[in-house]
Amino acid sequence: MTYNEAQFNKAVKIVNELPPTGSIVLSTDQKLVFYKHYKQATEGDNTTARPGFMDFTGKAKWDARETVKGKSKEESWTSYVAEFISVVKDSGDPDAKKWIDEIVQLG
């Protein structure tokens, strides 16, 4: 299944509004997945130099972005939304079905 820009934007909005505590708490790996697909969809390929030795967060983000190099914005929209749906479905959050329905309706 493919997703469009409106669905992507809705998923981004929901992810950005998730509280730091609750039924959906994103792991570092999940945050990196969302980050790399968001950056690829909105900025395209990473063209910056890899951060230095002591910048652990910067290196993790840079490395994550390198894994999606060459991916189109449409492919990134789809990957982001698919990850979002997977995360919320598995969460048991009472709003999960509502969020998924809202995204599907934008298709």
PDB file of N, CA and C in Angstrom:
ATOM      1  N   MET A   1       0.837  -1.176   0.000  1.00  0.00           N
ATOM      2  CA  MET A   1       0.000   0.000   0.000  1.00  0.00           C
ATOM      3  C   MET A   1       0.885   1.245   0.000  1.00  0.00           C
ATOM      4  N   THR A   2       0.454   2.252  -0.704  1.00  0.00           N
ATOM      5  CA  THR A   2       1.181   3.520  -0.714  1.00  0.00           C
ATOM      6  C   THR A   2       0.329   4.587  -0.033  1.00  0.00           C
ATOM      7  N   TYR A   3       1.014   5.575   0.500  1.00  0.00           N
ATOM      8  CA  TYR A   3       0.341   6.665   1.199  1.00  0.00           C
ATOM      9  C   TYR A   3       0.727   7.990   0.557  1.00  0.00           C
ATOM     10  N   ASN A   4      -0.143   8.986   0.710  1.00  0.00           N
ATOM     11  CA  ASN A   4       0.086  10.278   0.067  1.00  0.00           C
ATOM     12  C   ASN A   4       0.606  11.318   1.065  1.00  0.00           C
ATOM     13  N   GLU A   5       0.829  12.516   0.556  1.00  0.00           N
ATOM     14  CA  GLU A   5       1.405  13.576   1.382  1.00  0.00           C
ATOM     15  C   GLU A   5       0.481  13.988   2.529  1.00  0.00           C
ATOM     16  N   ALA A   6      -0.823  14.035   2.285  1.00  0.00           N
ATOM     17  CA  ALA A   6      -1.766  14.401   3.345  1.00  0.00           C
ATOM     18  C   ALA A   6      -1.730  13.370   4.475  1.00  0.00           C
ATOM     19  N   GLN A   7      -1.655  12.100   4.119  1.00  0.00           N
ATOM     20  CA  GLN A   7      -1.573  11.048   5.125  1.00  0.00           C
ATOM     21  C   GLN A   7      -0.262  11.144   5.903  1.00  0.00           C
ATOM     22  N   PHE A   8       0.812  11.417   5.192  1.00  0.00           N
ATOM     23  CA  PHE A   8       2.120  11.615   5.815  1.00  0.00           C
ATOM     24  C   PHE A   8       2.059  12.775   6.806  1.00  0.00           C
ATOM     25  N   ASN A   9       1.525  13.905   6.375  1.00  0.00           N
ATOM     26  CA  ASN A   9       1.452  15.086   7.244  1.00  0.00           C
ATOM     27  C   ASN A   9       0.619  14.826   8.493  1.00  0.00           C
ATOM     28  N   LYS A  10      -0.465  14.075   8.346  1.00  0.00           N
ATOM     29  CA  LYS A  10      -1.303  13.740   9.500  1.00  0.00           C
ATOM     30  C   LYS A  10      -0.533  12.853  10.478  1.00  0.00           C
ATOM     31  N   ALA A  11       0.178  11.857   9.958  1.00  0.00           N
ATOM     32  CA  ALA A  11       0.960  10.970  10.824  1.00  0.00           C
ATOM     33  C   ALA A  11       2.062  11.755  11.536  1.00  0.00           C
ATOM     34  N   VAL A  12       2.721  12.669  10.833  1.00  0.00           N
ATOM     35  CA  VAL A  12       3.763  13.499  11.445  1.00  0.00           C
ATOM     36  C   VAL A  12       3.174  14.321  12.585  1.00  0.00           C
ATOM     37  N   LYS A  13       2.014  14.908  12.339  1.00  0.00           N
ATOM     38  CA  LYS A  13       1.357  15.736  13.364  1.00  0.00           C
ATOM     39  C   LYS A  13       1.059  14.911  14.618  1.00  0.00           C
ATOM     40  N   ILE A  14       0.535  13.724  14.435  1.00  0.00           N
ATOM     41  CA  ILE A  14       0.200  12.868  15.579  1.00  0.00           C
ATOM     42  C   ILE A  14       1.471  12.462  16.332  1.00  0.00           C
ATOM     43  N   VAL A  15       2.485  12.043  15.599  1.00  0.00           N
ATOM     44  CA  VAL A  15       3.745  11.636  16.243  1.00  0.00           C
ATOM     45  C   VAL A  15       4.325  12.793  17.050  1.00  0.00           C
ATOM     46  N   ASN A  16       4.320  13.982  16.471  1.00  0.00           N
ATOM     47  CA  ASN A  16       4.882  15.146  17.170  1.00  0.00           C
ATOM     48  C   ASN A  16       4.083  15.540  18.408  1.00  0.00           C
ATOM     49  N   GLU A  17       2.821  15.153  18.469  1.00  0.00           N
ATOM     50  CA  GLU A  17       1.968  15.499  19.605  1.00  0.00           C
ATOM     51  C   GLU A  17       1.881  14.395  20.664  1.00  0.00           C
ATOM     52  N   LEU A  18       2.569  13.275  20.442  1.00  0.00           N
ATOM     53  CA  LEU A  18       2.542  12.206  21.438  1.00  0.00           C
ATOM     54  C   LEU A  18       3.196  12.698  22.727  1.00  0.00           C
ATOM     55  N   PRO A  19       2.539  12.478  23.865  1.00  0.00           N
ATOM     56  CA  PRO A  19       3.147  12.902  25.128  1.00  0.00           C
ATOM     57  C   PRO A  19       4.355  12.019  25.467  1.00  0.00           C
ATOM     58  N   PRO A  20       5.284  12.550  26.264  1.00  0.00           N
ATOM     59  CA  PRO A  20       6.482  11.774  26.606  1.00  0.00           C
ATOM     60  C   PRO A  20       6.194  10.539  27.457  1.00  0.00           C
ATOM     61  N   THR A  21       5.029  10.517  28.094  1.00  0.00           N
ATOM     62  CA  THR A  21       4.605   9.333  28.847  1.00  0.00           C
ATOM     63  C   THR A  21       3.198   8.976  28.389  1.00  0.00           C
ATOM     64  N   GLY A  22       2.858   7.732  28.480  1.00  0.00           N
ATOM     65  CA  GLY A  22       1.537   7.293  28.054  1.00  0.00           C
ATOM     66  C   GLY A  22       1.609   5.916  27.450  1.00  0.00           C
ATOM     67  N   SER A  23       0.577   5.544  26.717  1.00  0.00           N
ATOM     68  CA  SER A  23       0.534   4.193  26.146  1.00  0.00           C
ATOM     69  C   SER A  23       1.443   4.049  24.936  1.00  0.00           C
ATOM     70  N   ILE A  24       1.836   5.162  24.317  1.00  0.00           N
ATOM     71  CA  ILE A  24       2.777   5.105  23.202  1.00  0.00           C
ATOM     72  C   ILE A  24       4.007   5.923  23.583  1.00  0.00           C
ATOM     73  N   VAL A  25       5.066   5.213  23.909  1.00  0.00           N
ATOM     74  CA  VAL A  25       6.351   5.849  24.183  1.00  0.00           C
ATOM     75  C   VAL A  25       7.324   5.274  23.162  1.00  0.00           C
ATOM     76  N   LEU A  26       7.805   6.144  22.295  1.00  0.00           N
ATOM     77  CA  LEU A  26       8.673   5.692  21.208  1.00  0.00           C
ATOM     78  C   LEU A  26      10.069   5.357  21.714  1.00  0.00           C
ATOM     79  N   SER A  27      10.592   4.242  21.236  1.00  0.00           N
ATOM     80  CA  SER A  27      11.973   3.879  21.543  1.00  0.00           C
ATOM     81  C   SER A  27      12.900   4.743  20.696  1.00  0.00           C
ATOM     82  N   THR A  28      14.158   4.736  21.026  1.00  0.00           N
ATOM     83  CA  THR A  28      15.145   5.478  20.238  1.00  0.00           C
ATOM     84  C   THR A  28      15.148   4.980  18.792  1.00  0.00           C
ATOM     85  N   ASP A  29      15.083   3.683  18.612  1.00  0.00           N
ATOM     86  CA  ASP A  29      15.073   3.118  17.256  1.00  0.00           C
ATOM     87  C   ASP A  29      13.846   3.579  16.473  1.00  0.00           C
ATOM     88  N   GLN A  30      12.689   3.606  17.114  1.00  0.00           N
ATOM     89  CA  GLN A  30      11.479   4.078  16.440  1.00  0.00           C
ATOM     90  C   GLN A  30      11.596   5.561  16.076  1.00  0.00           C
ATOM     91  N   LYS A  31      12.134   6.348  16.992  1.00  0.00           N
ATOM     92  CA  LYS A  31      12.329   7.773  16.708  1.00  0.00           C
ATOM     93  C   LYS A  31      13.250   7.963  15.511  1.00  0.00           C
ATOM     94  N   LEU A  32      14.300   7.149  15.409  1.00  0.00           N
ATOM     95  CA  LEU A  32      15.221   7.253  14.276  1.00  0.00           C
ATOM     96  C   LEU A  32      14.544   6.865  12.967  1.00  0.00           C
ATOM     97  N   VAL A  33      13.664   5.880  13.012  1.00  0.00           N
ATOM     98  CA  VAL A  33      12.925   5.487  11.807  1.00  0.00           C
ATOM     99  C   VAL A  33      12.057   6.649  11.336  1.00  0.00           C
ATOM    100  N   PHE A  34      11.307   7.246  12.269  1.00  0.00           N
ATOM    101  CA  PHE A  34      10.483   8.400  11.905  1.00  0.00           C
ATOM    102  C   PHE A  34      11.350   9.551  11.402  1.00  0.00           C
ATOM    103  N   TYR A  35      12.448   9.808  12.087  1.00  0.00           N
ATOM    104  CA  TYR A  35      13.348  10.896  11.720  1.00  0.00           C
ATOM    105  C   TYR A  35      13.878  10.733  10.290  1.00  0.00           C
ATOM    106  N   LYS A  36      14.415   9.557   9.987  1.00  0.00           N
ATOM    107  CA  LYS A  36      15.049   9.377   8.676  1.00  0.00           C
ATOM    108  C   LYS A  36      14.035   9.488   7.543  1.00  0.00           C
ATOM    109  N   HIS A  37      12.835   8.947   7.738  1.00  0.00           N
ATOM    110  CA  HIS A  37      11.830   9.041   6.676  1.00  0.00           C
ATOM    111  C   HIS A  37      11.283  10.462   6.552  1.00  0.00           C
ATOM    112  N   TYR A  38      11.146  11.144   7.673  1.00  0.00           N
ATOM    113  CA  TYR A  38      10.700  12.547   7.629  1.00  0.00           C
ATOM    114  C   TYR A  38      11.723  13.403   6.883  1.00  0.00           C
ATOM    115  N   LYS A  39      12.991  13.273   7.255  1.00  0.00           N
ATOM    116  CA  LYS A  39      14.033  14.085   6.620  1.00  0.00           C
ATOM    117  C   LYS A  39      14.153  13.762   5.128  1.00  0.00           C
ATOM    118  N   GLN A  40      14.065  12.497   4.765  1.00  0.00           N
ATOM    119  CA  GLN A  40      14.170  12.121   3.357  1.00  0.00           C
ATOM    120  C   GLN A  40      12.982  12.669   2.570  1.00  0.00           C
ATOM    121  N   ALA A  41      11.805  12.635   3.180  1.00  0.00           N
ATOM    122  CA  ALA A  41      10.599  13.134   2.508  1.00  0.00           C
ATOM    123  C   ALA A  41      10.623  14.645   2.352  1.00  0.00           C
ATOM    124  N   THR A  42      11.185  15.350   3.315  1.00  0.00           N
ATOM    125  CA  THR A  42      11.126  16.812   3.297  1.00  0.00           C
ATOM    126  C   THR A  42      12.378  17.490   2.766  1.00  0.00           C
ATOM    127  N   GLU A  43      13.531  16.810   2.856  1.00  0.00           N
ATOM    128  CA  GLU A  43      14.792  17.432   2.423  1.00  0.00           C
ATOM    129  C   GLU A  43      15.520  16.662   1.333  1.00  0.00           C
ATOM    130  N   GLY A  44      15.196  15.398   1.165  1.00  0.00           N
ATOM    131  CA  GLY A  44      15.910  14.572   0.196  1.00  0.00           C
ATOM    132  C   GLY A  44      17.177  13.999   0.801  1.00  0.00           C
ATOM    133  N   ASP A  45      18.091  13.587  -0.066  1.00  0.00           N
ATOM    134  CA  ASP A  45      19.316  12.923   0.386  1.00  0.00           C
ATOM    135  C   ASP A  45      20.143  13.801   1.317  1.00  0.00           C
ATOM    136  N   ASN A  46      20.751  13.157   2.295  1.00  0.00           N
ATOM    137  CA  ASN A  46      21.647  13.815   3.232  1.00  0.00           C
ATOM    138  C   ASN A  46      22.933  14.195   2.503  1.00  0.00           C
ATOM    139  N   THR A  47      23.302  15.452   2.592  1.00  0.00           N
ATOM    140  CA  THR A  47      24.528  15.911   1.917  1.00  0.00           C
ATOM    141  C   THR A  47      25.547  16.467   2.906  1.00  0.00           C
ATOM    142  N   THR A  48      25.294  16.298   4.199  1.00  0.00           N
ATOM    143  CA  THR A  48      26.201  16.830   5.205  1.00  0.00           C
ATOM    144  C   THR A  48      27.297  15.824   5.543  1.00  0.00           C
ATOM    145  N   ALA A  49      28.372  16.312   6.140  1.00  0.00           N
ATOM    146  CA  ALA A  49      29.453  15.437   6.591  1.00  0.00           C
ATOM    147  C   ALA A  49      29.014  14.714   7.865  1.00  0.00           C
ATOM    148  N   ARG A  50      29.535  13.529   8.065  1.00  0.00           N
ATOM    149  CA  ARG A  50      29.201  12.764   9.274  1.00  0.00           C
ATOM    150  C   ARG A  50      29.743  13.506  10.497  1.00  0.00           C
ATOM    151  N   PRO A  51      28.915  13.632  11.529  1.00  0.00           N
ATOM    152  CA  PRO A  51      29.355  14.327  12.749  1.00  0.00           C
ATOM    153  C   PRO A  51      30.570  13.661  13.391  1.00  0.00           C
ATOM    154  N   GLY A  52      31.209  14.416  14.233  1.00  0.00           N
ATOM    155  CA  GLY A  52      32.434  13.951  14.891  1.00  0.00           C
ATOM    156  C   GLY A  52      32.219  12.839  15.898  1.00  0.00           C
ATOM    157  N   PHE A  53      33.321  12.336  16.382  1.00  0.00           N
ATOM    158  CA  PHE A  53      33.391  11.177  17.263  1.00  0.00           C
ATOM    159  C   PHE A  53      32.501  11.296  18.495  1.00  0.00           C
ATOM    160  N   MET A  54      32.459  12.436  19.135  1.00  0.00           N
ATOM    161  CA  MET A  54      31.727  12.581  20.395  1.00  0.00           C
ATOM    162  C   MET A  54      30.248  12.956  20.218  1.00  0.00           C
ATOM    163  N   ASP A  55      29.808  13.205  19.001  1.00  0.00           N
ATOM    164  CA  ASP A  55      28.407  13.564  18.752  1.00  0.00           C
ATOM    165  C   ASP A  55      27.615  12.292  18.463  1.00  0.00           C
ATOM    166  N   PHE A  56      27.286  11.579  19.530  1.00  0.00           N
ATOM    167  CA  PHE A  56      26.634  10.279  19.378  1.00  0.00           C
ATOM    168  C   PHE A  56      25.247  10.391  18.753  1.00  0.00           C
ATOM    169  N   THR A  57      24.476  11.369  19.180  1.00  0.00           N
ATOM    170  CA  THR A  57      23.137  11.565  18.629  1.00  0.00           C
ATOM    171  C   THR A  57      23.226  11.969  17.163  1.00  0.00           C
ATOM    172  N   GLY A  58      24.096  12.913  16.860  1.00  0.00           N
ATOM    173  CA  GLY A  58      24.272  13.361  15.482  1.00  0.00           C
ATOM    174  C   GLY A  58      24.694  12.231  14.561  1.00  0.00           C
ATOM    175  N   LYS A  59      25.604  11.387  15.041  1.00  0.00           N
ATOM    176  CA  LYS A  59      26.062  10.253  14.228  1.00  0.00           C
ATOM    177  C   LYS A  59      24.933   9.251  13.998  1.00  0.00           C
ATOM    178  N   ALA A  60      24.136   9.004  15.032  1.00  0.00           N
ATOM    179  CA  ALA A  60      23.018   8.058  14.888  1.00  0.00           C
ATOM    180  C   ALA A  60      22.014   8.574  13.867  1.00  0.00           C
ATOM    181  N   LYS A  61      21.714   9.865  13.929  1.00  0.00           N
ATOM    182  CA  LYS A  61      20.790  10.456  12.964  1.00  0.00           C
ATOM    183  C   LYS A  61      21.379  10.418  11.557  1.00  0.00           C
ATOM    184  N   TRP A  62      22.651  10.766  11.432  1.00  0.00           N
ATOM    185  CA  TRP A  62      23.310  10.780  10.124  1.00  0.00           C
ATOM    186  C   TRP A  62      23.313   9.371   9.534  1.00  0.00           C
ATOM    187  N   ASP A  63      23.688   8.394  10.351  1.00  0.00           N
ATOM    188  CA  ASP A  63      23.720   7.000   9.886  1.00  0.00           C
ATOM    189  C   ASP A  63      22.329   6.524   9.469  1.00  0.00           C
ATOM    190  N   ALA A  64      21.316   6.904  10.231  1.00  0.00           N
ATOM    191  CA  ALA A  64      19.944   6.527   9.883  1.00  0.00           C
ATOM    192  C   ALA A  64      19.562   7.117   8.526  1.00  0.00           C
ATOM    193  N   ARG A  65      19.893   8.379   8.317  1.00  0.00           N
ATOM    194  CA  ARG A  65      19.552   9.012   7.039  1.00  0.00           C
ATOM    195  C   ARG A  65      20.260   8.354   5.865  1.00  0.00           C
ATOM    196  N   GLU A  66      21.456   7.887   6.085  1.00  0.00           N
ATOM    197  CA  GLU A  66      22.198   7.235   5.004  1.00  0.00           C
ATOM    198  C   GLU A  66      21.500   5.968   4.525  1.00  0.00           C
ATOM    199  N   THR A  67      20.715   5.326   5.385  1.00  0.00           N
ATOM    200  CA  THR A  67      20.036   4.083   5.004  1.00  0.00           C
ATOM    201  C   THR A  67      18.876   4.314   4.043  1.00  0.00           C
ATOM    202  N   VAL A  68      18.426   5.563   3.908  1.00  0.00           N
ATOM    203  CA  VAL A  68      17.311   5.854   2.997  1.00  0.00           C
ATOM    204  C   VAL A  68      17.749   6.727   1.819  1.00  0.00           C
ATOM    205  N   LYS A  69      19.039   6.891   1.660  1.00  0.00           N
ATOM    206  CA  LYS A  69      19.560   7.700   0.563  1.00  0.00           C
ATOM    207  C   LYS A  69      19.036   7.164  -0.778  1.00  0.00           C
ATOM    208  N   GLY A  70      18.564   8.069  -1.612  1.00  0.00           N
ATOM    209  CA  GLY A  70      18.042   7.697  -2.920  1.00  0.00           C
ATOM    210  C   GLY A  70      16.552   7.392  -2.937  1.00  0.00           C
ATOM    211  N   LYS A  71      15.941   7.299  -1.778  1.00  0.00           N
ATOM    212  CA  LYS A  71      14.513   7.013  -1.688  1.00  0.00           C
ATOM    213  C   LYS A  71      13.732   8.275  -2.070  1.00  0.00           C
ATOM    214  N   SER A  72      12.669   8.119  -2.837  1.00  0.00           N
ATOM    215  CA  SER A  72      11.850   9.268  -3.237  1.00  0.00           C
ATOM    216  C   SER A  72      11.014   9.763  -2.064  1.00  0.00           C
ATOM    217  N   LYS A  73      10.513  10.994  -2.199  1.00  0.00           N
ATOM    218  CA  LYS A  73       9.666  11.519  -1.122  1.00  0.00           C
ATOM    219  C   LYS A  73       8.399  10.688  -0.993  1.00  0.00           C
ATOM    220  N   GLU A  74       7.866  10.195  -2.098  1.00  0.00           N
ATOM    221  CA  GLU A  74       6.670   9.358  -2.050  1.00  0.00           C
ATOM    222  C   GLU A  74       6.934   8.042  -1.305  1.00  0.00           C
ATOM    223  N   GLU A  75       8.086   7.444  -1.561  1.00  0.00           N
ATOM    224  CA  GLU A  75       8.450   6.220  -0.838  1.00  0.00           C
ATOM    225  C   GLU A  75       8.632   6.510   0.651  1.00  0.00           C
ATOM    226  N   SER A  76       9.183   7.672   0.960  1.00  0.00           N
ATOM    227  CA  SER A  76       9.391   8.061   2.358  1.00  0.00           C
ATOM    228  C   SER A  76       8.070   8.337   3.060  1.00  0.00           C
ATOM    229  N   TRP A  77       7.120   8.955   2.357  1.00  0.00           N
ATOM    230  CA  TRP A  77       5.787   9.166   2.934  1.00  0.00           C
ATOM    231  C   TRP A  77       5.198   7.817   3.337  1.00  0.00           C
ATOM    232  N   THR A  78       5.267   6.878   2.404  1.00  0.00           N
ATOM    233  CA  THR A  78       4.699   5.556   2.629  1.00  0.00           C
ATOM    234  C   THR A  78       5.388   4.840   3.782  1.00  0.00           C
ATOM    235  N   SER A  79       6.715   4.906   3.827  1.00  0.00           N
ATOM    236  CA  SER A  79       7.452   4.249   4.914  1.00  0.00           C
ATOM    237  C   SER A  79       7.110   4.857   6.267  1.00  0.00           C
ATOM    238  N   TYR A  80       6.993   6.181   6.320  1.00  0.00           N
ATOM    239  CA  TYR A  80       6.670   6.868   7.574  1.00  0.00           C
ATOM    240  C   TYR A  80       5.281   6.458   8.054  1.00  0.00           C
ATOM    241  N   VAL A  81       4.304   6.523   7.167  1.00  0.00           N
ATOM    242  CA  VAL A  81       2.926   6.202   7.553  1.00  0.00           C
ATOM    243  C   VAL A  81       2.806   4.723   7.929  1.00  0.00           C
ATOM    244  N   ALA A  82       3.457   3.847   7.187  1.00  0.00           N
ATOM    245  CA  ALA A  82       3.405   2.416   7.511  1.00  0.00           C
ATOM    246  C   ALA A  82       4.003   2.159   8.898  1.00  0.00           C
ATOM    247  N   GLU A  83       5.110   2.819   9.211  1.00  0.00           N
ATOM    248  CA  GLU A  83       5.712   2.671  10.543  1.00  0.00           C
ATOM    249  C   GLU A  83       4.775   3.205  11.617  1.00  0.00           C
ATOM    250  N   PHE A  84       4.160   4.353  11.344  1.00  0.00           N
ATOM    251  CA  PHE A  84       3.215   4.937  12.297  1.00  0.00           C
ATOM    252  C   PHE A  84       2.071   3.970  12.585  1.00  0.00           C
ATOM    253  N   ILE A  85       1.475   3.425  11.534  1.00  0.00           N
ATOM    254  CA  ILE A  85       0.346   2.503  11.709  1.00  0.00           C
ATOM    255  C   ILE A  85       0.783   1.272  12.499  1.00  0.00           C
ATOM    256  N   SER A  86       1.952   0.750  12.205  1.00  0.00           N
ATOM    257  CA  SER A  86       2.473  -0.404  12.930  1.00  0.00           C
ATOM    258  C   SER A  86       2.654  -0.093  14.420  1.00  0.00           C
ATOM    259  N   VAL A  87       3.227   1.057  14.714  1.00  0.00           N
ATOM    260  CA  VAL A  87       3.486   1.436  16.104  1.00  0.00           C
ATOM    261  C   VAL A  87       2.179   1.621  16.870  1.00  0.00           C
ATOM    262  N   VAL A  88       1.221   2.341  16.287  1.00  0.00           N
ATOM    263  CA  VAL A  88      -0.015   2.606  17.034  1.00  0.00           C
ATOM    264  C   VAL A  88      -0.895   1.366  17.146  1.00  0.00           C
ATOM    265  N   LYS A  89      -0.887   0.511  16.130  1.00  0.00           N
ATOM    266  CA  LYS A  89      -1.674  -0.731  16.211  1.00  0.00           C
ATOM    267  C   LYS A  89      -1.201  -1.597  17.369  1.00  0.00           C
ATOM    268  N   ASP A  90       0.116  -1.666  17.541  1.00  0.00           N
ATOM    269  CA  ASP A  90       0.698  -2.519  18.577  1.00  0.00           C
ATOM    270  C   ASP A  90       0.649  -1.893  19.967  1.00  0.00           C
ATOM    271  N   SER A  91       0.285  -0.628  20.055  1.00  0.00           N
ATOM    272  CA  SER A  91       0.362   0.095  21.318  1.00  0.00           C
ATOM    273  C   SER A  91      -0.781  -0.195  22.278  1.00  0.00           C
ATOM    274  N   GLY A  92      -1.943  -0.503  21.749  1.00  0.00           N
ATOM    275  CA  GLY A  92      -3.119  -0.647  22.595  1.00  0.00           C
ATOM    276  C   GLY A  92      -3.709   0.690  23.021  1.00  0.00           C
ATOM    277  N   ASP A  93      -3.206   1.782  22.451  1.00  0.00           N
ATOM    278  CA  ASP A  93      -3.714   3.115  22.786  1.00  0.00           C
ATOM    279  C   ASP A  93      -5.175   3.222  22.350  1.00  0.00           C
ATOM    280  N   PRO A  94      -6.038   3.797  23.199  1.00  0.00           N
ATOM    281  CA  PRO A  94      -7.451   3.901  22.837  1.00  0.00           C
ATOM    282  C   PRO A  94      -7.708   4.782  21.608  1.00  0.00           C
ATOM    283  N   ASP A  95      -6.793   5.681  21.290  1.00  0.00           N
ATOM    284  CA  ASP A  95      -6.956   6.549  20.117  1.00  0.00           C
ATOM    285  C   ASP A  95      -6.410   5.927  18.831  1.00  0.00           C
ATOM    286  N   ALA A  96      -5.770   4.773  18.914  1.00  0.00           N
ATOM    287  CA  ALA A  96      -5.108   4.175  17.760  1.00  0.00           C
ATOM    288  C   ALA A  96      -6.054   3.984  16.576  1.00  0.00           C
ATOM    289  N   LYS A  97      -7.204   3.398  16.804  1.00  0.00           N
ATOM    290  CA  LYS A  97      -8.147   3.150  15.703  1.00  0.00           C
ATOM    291  C   LYS A  97      -8.599   4.465  15.078  1.00  0.00           C
ATOM    292  N   LYS A  98      -8.874   5.461  15.907  1.00  0.00           N
ATOM    293  CA  LYS A  98      -9.297   6.772  15.397  1.00  0.00           C
ATOM    294  C   LYS A  98      -8.209   7.382  14.504  1.00  0.00           C
ATOM    295  N   TRP A  99      -6.962   7.334  14.959  1.00  0.00           N
ATOM    296  CA  TRP A  99      -5.860   7.901  14.172  1.00  0.00           C
ATOM    297  C   TRP A  99      -5.690   7.173  12.846  1.00  0.00           C
ATOM    298  N   ILE A 100      -5.753   5.860  12.881  1.00  0.00           N
ATOM    299  CA  ILE A 100      -5.594   5.077  11.648  1.00  0.00           C
ATOM    300  C   ILE A 100      -6.747   5.384  10.691  1.00  0.00           C
ATOM    301  N   ASP A 101      -7.974   5.450  11.217  1.00  0.00           N
ATOM    302  CA  ASP A 101      -9.132   5.771  10.377  1.00  0.00           C
ATOM    303  C   ASP A 101      -8.981   7.157   9.737  1.00  0.00           C
ATOM    304  N   GLU A 102      -8.505   8.131  10.506  1.00  0.00           N
ATOM    305  CA  GLU A 102      -8.306   9.485   9.967  1.00  0.00           C
ATOM    306  C   GLU A 102      -7.300   9.474   8.816  1.00  0.00           C
ATOM    307  N   ILE A 103      -6.232   8.700   8.973  1.00  0.00           N
ATOM    308  CA  ILE A 103      -5.210   8.623   7.924  1.00  0.00           C
ATOM    309  C   ILE A 103      -5.757   7.918   6.689  1.00  0.00           C
ATOM    310  N   VAL A 104      -6.462   6.825   6.888  1.00  0.00           N
ATOM    311  CA  VAL A 104      -7.022   6.079   5.762  1.00  0.00           C
ATOM    312  C   VAL A 104      -8.009   6.951   4.981  1.00  0.00           C
ATOM    313  N   GLN A 105      -8.804   7.744   5.676  1.00  0.00           N
ATOM    314  CA  GLN A 105      -9.787   8.603   5.025  1.00  0.00           C
ATOM    315  C   GLN A 105      -9.139   9.681   4.156  1.00  0.00           C
ATOM    316  N   LEU A 106      -7.908  10.040   4.440  1.00  0.00           N
ATOM    317  CA  LEU A 106      -7.201  11.054   3.643  1.00  0.00           C
ATOM    318  C   LEU A 106      -6.664  10.469   2.319  1.00  0.00           C
ATOM    319  N   GLY A 107      -6.750   9.157   2.166  1.00  0.00           N
ATOM    320  CA  GLY A 107      -6.223   8.488   0.989  1.00  0.00           C
ATOM    321  C   GLY A 107      -7.100   8.588  -0.223  1.00  0.00           C
TER     322      GLY A 107
END
